[in-house]
Amino acid sequence: MIIGLTGRNGAGKGTVAEWLQARGLRYTSLSDELRADLRRRGLQPTRDNLIAGGRRLREEGGPGVLAQLVLQRIAEEADGGPGAIVDSVRNPAEVEVLRTNPGFRLLEVRAERRTRYERIRARNRAGDAASFEEFVRQEEAELNSSDVAAQRLVATAAMADLAIDNDDAPEALEAALATLFPELAGE
């Protein structure tokens, strides 16, 4: 089983991934592939560099290249465990590549824009927006690009098998995940 996570910045994909890891799934992220590429190039893993690096890799290797790299790593590291999580799925071509694995399911994590902005402000990660206006501007650039090498969050979310809302307390998310998990796991 491979569970892909998609959603907008600050929606709670990392929190969902932690919950899944506690159930024995191994974590991997398409963004990890980008960070490794940036390190090889001597660049800092800022949000802008990650976005530009992802676009460059997709232009060079095709729009599904990050998913191909992750699937290779998952196969190499397979230990007979219950499966893997693939975080940061942001392009429809990545979903298509991941769907070549028959046990793949895509989960969209959703939250309201203001909630997501407050979360990213609280985590204070390098490259995160310093104002709500900047947050909105960054997000709008990621939603509906016609460039197949860019992030295309709306089109990717439309491919999700399941969705979960994450606007409430962490306990509500955990309860929703517990209810959703059998379907997500294909049981």
C-alpha atoms as a PDB file:
ATOM      1  CA  MET A   1       0.000   0.000   0.000  1.00  0.00           C
ATOM      2  CA  ILE A   2       1.192   3.492  -0.854  1.00  0.00           C
ATOM      3  CA  ILE A   3      -0.760   6.498   0.430  1.00  0.00           C
ATOM      4  CA  GLY A   4      -0.049   9.772  -1.337  1.00  0.00           C
ATOM      5  CA  LEU A   5      -0.786  13.076   0.375  1.00  0.00           C
ATOM      6  CA  THR A   6      -1.757  16.229  -1.445  1.00  0.00           C
ATOM      7  CA  GLY A   7      -3.081  19.550  -0.224  1.00  0.00           C
ATOM      8  CA  ARG A   8      -2.291  23.200   0.013  1.00  0.00           C
ATOM      9  CA  ASN A   9       0.444  24.710   2.137  1.00  0.00           C
ATOM     10  CA  GLY A  10      -0.371  24.415   5.847  1.00  0.00           C
ATOM     11  CA  ALA A  11      -3.322  22.033   5.394  1.00  0.00           C
ATOM     12  CA  GLY A  12      -1.807  19.450   7.726  1.00  0.00           C
ATOM     13  CA  LYS A  13      -0.226  16.892   5.415  1.00  0.00           C
ATOM     14  CA  GLY A  14       2.671  16.486   7.855  1.00  0.00           C
ATOM     15  CA  THR A  15       0.285  15.827  10.736  1.00  0.00           C
ATOM     16  CA  VAL A  16      -1.551  13.198   8.675  1.00  0.00           C
ATOM     17  CA  ALA A  17       1.799  11.656   7.724  1.00  0.00           C
ATOM     18  CA  GLU A  18       2.792  11.417  11.395  1.00  0.00           C
ATOM     19  CA  TRP A  19      -0.493   9.667  12.193  1.00  0.00           C
ATOM     20  CA  LEU A  20       0.112   7.170   9.363  1.00  0.00           C
ATOM     21  CA  GLN A  21       3.708   6.606  10.467  1.00  0.00           C
ATOM     22  CA  ALA A  22       2.428   5.679  13.927  1.00  0.00           C
ATOM     23  CA  ARG A  23       0.564   2.849  12.160  1.00  0.00           C
ATOM     24  CA  GLY A  24       3.791   1.506  10.685  1.00  0.00           C
ATOM     25  CA  LEU A  25       3.922   3.157   7.278  1.00  0.00           C
ATOM     26  CA  ARG A  26       7.300   4.434   6.089  1.00  0.00           C
ATOM     27  CA  TYR A  27       7.526   8.132   5.262  1.00  0.00           C
ATOM     28  CA  THR A  28       8.882   9.584   2.057  1.00  0.00           C
ATOM     29  CA  SER A  29       8.267  12.883   0.344  1.00  0.00           C
ATOM     30  CA  LEU A  30       8.602  14.210  -3.157  1.00  0.00           C
ATOM     31  CA  SER A  31      10.024  17.318  -1.494  1.00  0.00           C
ATOM     32  CA  ASP A  32      12.846  15.157  -0.063  1.00  0.00           C
ATOM     33  CA  GLU A  33      13.925  14.442  -3.643  1.00  0.00           C
ATOM     34  CA  LEU A  34      13.947  18.185  -4.300  1.00  0.00           C
ATOM     35  CA  ARG A  35      15.923  18.915  -1.111  1.00  0.00           C
ATOM     36  CA  ALA A  36      18.540  16.317  -2.090  1.00  0.00           C
ATOM     37  CA  ASP A  37      18.842  17.890  -5.542  1.00  0.00           C
ATOM     38  CA  LEU A  38      19.208  21.380  -4.021  1.00  0.00           C
ATOM     39  CA  ARG A  39      21.950  20.114  -1.656  1.00  0.00           C
ATOM     40  CA  ARG A  40      23.839  18.656  -4.641  1.00  0.00           C
ATOM     41  CA  ARG A  41      23.604  22.088  -6.293  1.00  0.00           C
ATOM     42  CA  GLY A  42      24.680  23.968  -3.163  1.00  0.00           C
ATOM     43  CA  LEU A  43      21.317  25.731  -2.731  1.00  0.00           C
ATOM     44  CA  GLN A  44      19.277  26.280   0.415  1.00  0.00           C
ATOM     45  CA  PRO A  45      15.921  24.459   0.625  1.00  0.00           C
ATOM     46  CA  THR A  46      13.792  27.613   0.753  1.00  0.00           C
ATOM     47  CA  ARG A  47      10.220  27.494  -0.537  1.00  0.00           C
ATOM     48  CA  ASP A  48      11.171  29.453  -3.659  1.00  0.00           C
ATOM     49  CA  ASN A  49      14.153  27.163  -4.369  1.00  0.00           C
ATOM     50  CA  LEU A  50      12.000  24.054  -3.854  1.00  0.00           C
ATOM     51  CA  ILE A  51       9.385  25.339  -6.299  1.00  0.00           C
ATOM     52  CA  ALA A  52      11.975  26.374  -8.890  1.00  0.00           C
ATOM     53  CA  GLY A  53      13.899  23.131  -8.399  1.00  0.00           C
ATOM     54  CA  GLY A  54      10.757  21.063  -8.866  1.00  0.00           C
ATOM     55  CA  ARG A  55       9.921  22.900 -12.067  1.00  0.00           C
ATOM     56  CA  ARG A  56      13.482  22.388 -13.365  1.00  0.00           C
ATOM     57  CA  LEU A  57      13.505  18.657 -12.549  1.00  0.00           C
ATOM     58  CA  ARG A  58      10.088  18.210 -14.193  1.00  0.00           C
ATOM     59  CA  GLU A  59      11.269  20.087 -17.291  1.00  0.00           C
ATOM     60  CA  GLU A  60      14.396  17.911 -17.506  1.00  0.00           C
ATOM     61  CA  GLY A  61      12.933  14.522 -16.554  1.00  0.00           C
ATOM     62  CA  GLY A  62       9.244  14.885 -17.336  1.00  0.00           C
ATOM     63  CA  PRO A  63       6.410  16.007 -15.066  1.00  0.00           C
ATOM     64  CA  GLY A  64       6.306  12.659 -13.185  1.00  0.00           C
ATOM     65  CA  VAL A  65      10.041  12.432 -12.481  1.00  0.00           C
ATOM     66  CA  LEU A  66       9.813  13.020  -8.715  1.00  0.00           C
ATOM     67  CA  ALA A  67       7.268  10.228  -8.343  1.00  0.00           C
ATOM     68  CA  GLN A  68       9.478   7.905 -10.412  1.00  0.00           C
ATOM     69  CA  LEU A  69      12.406   8.609  -8.090  1.00  0.00           C
ATOM     70  CA  VAL A  70      10.281   7.994  -4.988  1.00  0.00           C
ATOM     71  CA  LEU A  71       8.836   4.737  -6.330  1.00  0.00           C
ATOM     72  CA  GLN A  72      12.376   3.510  -7.028  1.00  0.00           C
ATOM     73  CA  ARG A  73      13.419   4.360  -3.480  1.00  0.00           C
ATOM     74  CA  ILE A  74      10.340   2.672  -2.009  1.00  0.00           C
ATOM     75  CA  ALA A  75      11.090  -0.485  -4.014  1.00  0.00           C
ATOM     76  CA  GLU A  76      14.738  -0.470  -2.908  1.00  0.00           C
ATOM     77  CA  GLU A  77      13.802   0.007   0.744  1.00  0.00           C
ATOM     78  CA  ALA A  78      10.859  -2.433   0.776  1.00  0.00           C
ATOM     79  CA  ASP A  79      10.971  -4.391   4.006  1.00  0.00           C
ATOM     80  CA  GLY A  80       7.664  -6.206   3.887  1.00  0.00           C
ATOM     81  CA  GLY A  81       6.062  -3.601   6.158  1.00  0.00           C
ATOM     82  CA  PRO A  82       2.528  -2.322   5.748  1.00  0.00           C
ATOM     83  CA  GLY A  83       3.399   0.280   3.149  1.00  0.00           C
ATOM     84  CA  ALA A  84       4.580   3.808   2.562  1.00  0.00           C
ATOM     85  CA  ILE A  85       3.450   7.411   2.643  1.00  0.00           C
ATOM     86  CA  VAL A  86       4.362   9.730  -0.228  1.00  0.00           C
ATOM     87  CA  ASP A  87       3.989  13.316   0.931  1.00  0.00           C
ATOM     88  CA  SER A  88       3.877  16.503  -1.169  1.00  0.00           C
ATOM     89  CA  VAL A  89       2.180  15.203  -4.328  1.00  0.00           C
ATOM     90  CA  ARG A  90       1.619  18.439  -6.276  1.00  0.00           C
ATOM     91  CA  ASN A  91       1.330  17.567  -9.961  1.00  0.00           C
ATOM     92  CA  PRO A  92      -1.149  15.323 -11.855  1.00  0.00           C
ATOM     93  CA  ALA A  93       1.698  13.534 -13.656  1.00  0.00           C
ATOM     94  CA  GLU A  94       3.055  12.501 -10.247  1.00  0.00           C
ATOM     95  CA  VAL A  95      -0.314  10.936  -9.441  1.00  0.00           C
ATOM     96  CA  GLU A  96      -0.304   9.078 -12.769  1.00  0.00           C
ATOM     97  CA  VAL A  97       3.145   7.627 -12.049  1.00  0.00           C
ATOM     98  CA  LEU A  98       2.192   6.668  -8.488  1.00  0.00           C
ATOM     99  CA  ARG A  99      -0.981   4.992  -9.783  1.00  0.00           C
ATOM    100  CA  THR A 100       1.220   2.483 -11.625  1.00  0.00           C
ATOM    101  CA  ASN A 101       1.481   0.892  -8.174  1.00  0.00           C
ATOM    102  CA  PRO A 102      -1.792  -1.019  -7.733  1.00  0.00           C
ATOM    103  CA  GLY A 103      -1.916  -0.266  -3.994  1.00  0.00           C
ATOM    104  CA  PHE A 104      -1.749   3.514  -4.408  1.00  0.00           C
ATOM    105  CA  ARG A 105      -4.414   5.819  -2.937  1.00  0.00           C
ATOM    106  CA  LEU A 106      -4.307   9.637  -2.950  1.00  0.00           C
ATOM    107  CA  LEU A 107      -5.624  11.568   0.057  1.00  0.00           C
ATOM    108  CA  GLU A 108      -6.275  15.297  -0.156  1.00  0.00           C
ATOM    109  CA  VAL A 109      -5.860  17.169   3.149  1.00  0.00           C
ATOM    110  CA  ARG A 110      -8.004  20.317   3.267  1.00  0.00           C
ATOM    111  CA  ALA A 111      -8.205  23.345   5.538  1.00  0.00           C
ATOM    112  CA  GLU A 112      -9.483  26.890   5.215  1.00  0.00           C
ATOM    113  CA  ARG A 113      -7.023  29.496   3.930  1.00  0.00           C
ATOM    114  CA  ARG A 114      -6.889  31.586   7.137  1.00  0.00           C
ATOM    115  CA  THR A 115      -6.352  28.422   9.237  1.00  0.00           C
ATOM    116  CA  ARG A 116      -3.513  27.342   6.966  1.00  0.00           C
ATOM    117  CA  TYR A 117      -1.908  30.775   7.109  1.00  0.00           C
ATOM    118  CA  GLU A 118      -1.961  30.741  10.926  1.00  0.00           C
ATOM    119  CA  ARG A 119      -0.335  27.301  10.892  1.00  0.00           C
ATOM    120  CA  ILE A 120       2.499  28.318   8.604  1.00  0.00           C
ATOM    121  CA  ARG A 121       3.115  31.442  10.698  1.00  0.00           C
ATOM    122  CA  ALA A 122       3.297  29.275  13.841  1.00  0.00           C
ATOM    123  CA  ARG A 123       5.769  26.798  12.309  1.00  0.00           C
ATOM    124  CA  ASN A 124       7.991  29.673  11.076  1.00  0.00           C
ATOM    125  CA  ARG A 125       9.709  27.673   8.309  1.00  0.00           C
ATOM    126  CA  ALA A 126      12.255  29.389   6.051  1.00  0.00           C
ATOM    127  CA  GLY A 127      10.574  30.782   2.957  1.00  0.00           C
ATOM    128  CA  ASP A 128       7.064  30.820   4.403  1.00  0.00           C
ATOM    129  CA  ALA A 129       5.022  33.937   3.746  1.00  0.00           C
ATOM    130  CA  ALA A 130       5.527  36.871   6.109  1.00  0.00           C
ATOM    131  CA  SER A 131       2.030  38.275   5.488  1.00  0.00           C
ATOM    132  CA  PHE A 132      -1.390  36.939   4.591  1.00  0.00           C
ATOM    133  CA  GLU A 133      -1.205  38.769   1.250  1.00  0.00           C
ATOM    134  CA  GLU A 134       2.094  37.067   0.410  1.00  0.00           C
ATOM    135  CA  PHE A 135       0.627  33.708   1.478  1.00  0.00           C
ATOM    136  CA  VAL A 136      -2.310  34.219  -0.905  1.00  0.00           C
ATOM    137  CA  ARG A 137       0.017  35.289  -3.728  1.00  0.00           C
ATOM    138  CA  GLN A 138       2.241  32.197  -3.242  1.00  0.00           C
ATOM    139  CA  GLU A 139      -0.778  29.918  -3.140  1.00  0.00           C
ATOM    140  CA  GLU A 140      -2.408  31.372  -6.244  1.00  0.00           C
ATOM    141  CA  ALA A 141       0.800  30.689  -8.197  1.00  0.00           C
ATOM    142  CA  GLU A 142       0.605  26.989  -7.231  1.00  0.00           C
ATOM    143  CA  LEU A 143      -3.052  26.301  -7.966  1.00  0.00           C
ATOM    144  CA  ASN A 144      -3.810  26.268 -11.705  1.00  0.00           C
ATOM    145  CA  SER A 145      -0.674  26.625 -13.797  1.00  0.00           C
ATOM    146  CA  SER A 146      -0.906  25.613 -17.440  1.00  0.00           C
ATOM    147  CA  ASP A 147       2.796  24.689 -17.277  1.00  0.00           C
ATOM    148  CA  VAL A 148       2.969  20.885 -16.960  1.00  0.00           C
ATOM    149  CA  ALA A 149       6.259  21.229 -15.065  1.00  0.00           C
ATOM    150  CA  ALA A 150       4.750  23.488 -12.389  1.00  0.00           C
ATOM    151  CA  GLN A 151       2.792  22.755  -9.263  1.00  0.00           C
ATOM    152  CA  ARG A 152      -0.859  22.202 -10.192  1.00  0.00           C
ATOM    153  CA  LEU A 153      -2.643  21.746  -6.889  1.00  0.00           C
ATOM    154  CA  VAL A 154      -6.243  22.042  -8.093  1.00  0.00           C
ATOM    155  CA  ALA A 155      -5.811  19.428 -10.834  1.00  0.00           C
ATOM    156  CA  THR A 156      -3.918  17.162  -8.434  1.00  0.00           C
ATOM    157  CA  ALA A 157      -6.600  17.452  -5.741  1.00  0.00           C
ATOM    158  CA  ALA A 158      -9.239  16.553  -8.345  1.00  0.00           C
ATOM    159  CA  MET A 159      -7.491  13.178  -8.715  1.00  0.00           C
ATOM    160  CA  ALA A 160      -7.738  12.336  -4.993  1.00  0.00           C
ATOM    161  CA  ASP A 161      -9.434   9.092  -4.027  1.00  0.00           C
ATOM    162  CA  LEU A 162     -10.441  10.530  -0.649  1.00  0.00           C
ATOM    163  CA  ALA A 163     -10.342  13.871   1.166  1.00  0.00           C
ATOM    164  CA  ILE A 164     -10.198  14.876   4.802  1.00  0.00           C
ATOM    165  CA  ASP A 165     -10.942  18.266   6.364  1.00  0.00           C
ATOM    166  CA  ASN A 166      -8.489  19.577   8.940  1.00  0.00           C
ATOM    167  CA  ASP A 167      -9.943  22.804  10.305  1.00  0.00           C
ATOM    168  CA  ASP A 168     -10.677  21.608  13.837  1.00  0.00           C
ATOM    169  CA  ALA A 169      -8.638  20.409  16.813  1.00  0.00           C
ATOM    170  CA  PRO A 170      -6.021  17.666  16.327  1.00  0.00           C
ATOM    171  CA  GLU A 171      -8.314  15.201  18.096  1.00  0.00           C
ATOM    172  CA  ALA A 172     -10.982  15.716  15.425  1.00  0.00           C
ATOM    173  CA  LEU A 173      -8.440  15.000  12.680  1.00  0.00           C
ATOM    174  CA  GLU A 174      -7.289  11.841  14.475  1.00  0.00           C
ATOM    175  CA  ALA A 175     -10.882  10.618  14.833  1.00  0.00           C
ATOM    176  CA  ALA A 176     -11.577  11.313  11.159  1.00  0.00           C
ATOM    177  CA  LEU A 177      -8.390   9.496  10.143  1.00  0.00           C
ATOM    178  CA  ALA A 178      -9.309   6.480  12.261  1.00  0.00           C
ATOM    179  CA  THR A 179     -12.674   6.306  10.504  1.00  0.00           C
ATOM    180  CA  LEU A 180     -11.167   6.838   7.055  1.00  0.00           C
ATOM    181  CA  PHE A 181      -8.122   4.574   7.401  1.00  0.00           C
ATOM    182  CA  PRO A 182      -9.749   1.245   6.427  1.00  0.00           C
ATOM    183  CA  GLU A 183     -11.002   2.757   3.171  1.00  0.00           C
ATOM    184  CA  LEU A 184      -7.700   4.524   2.579  1.00  0.00           C
ATOM    185  CA  ALA A 185      -5.831   1.257   3.122  1.00  0.00           C
ATOM    186  CA  GLY A 186      -8.117  -0.488   0.646  1.00  0.00           C
ATOM    187  CA  GLU A 187      -9.627  -2.776   3.270  1.00  0.00           C
END
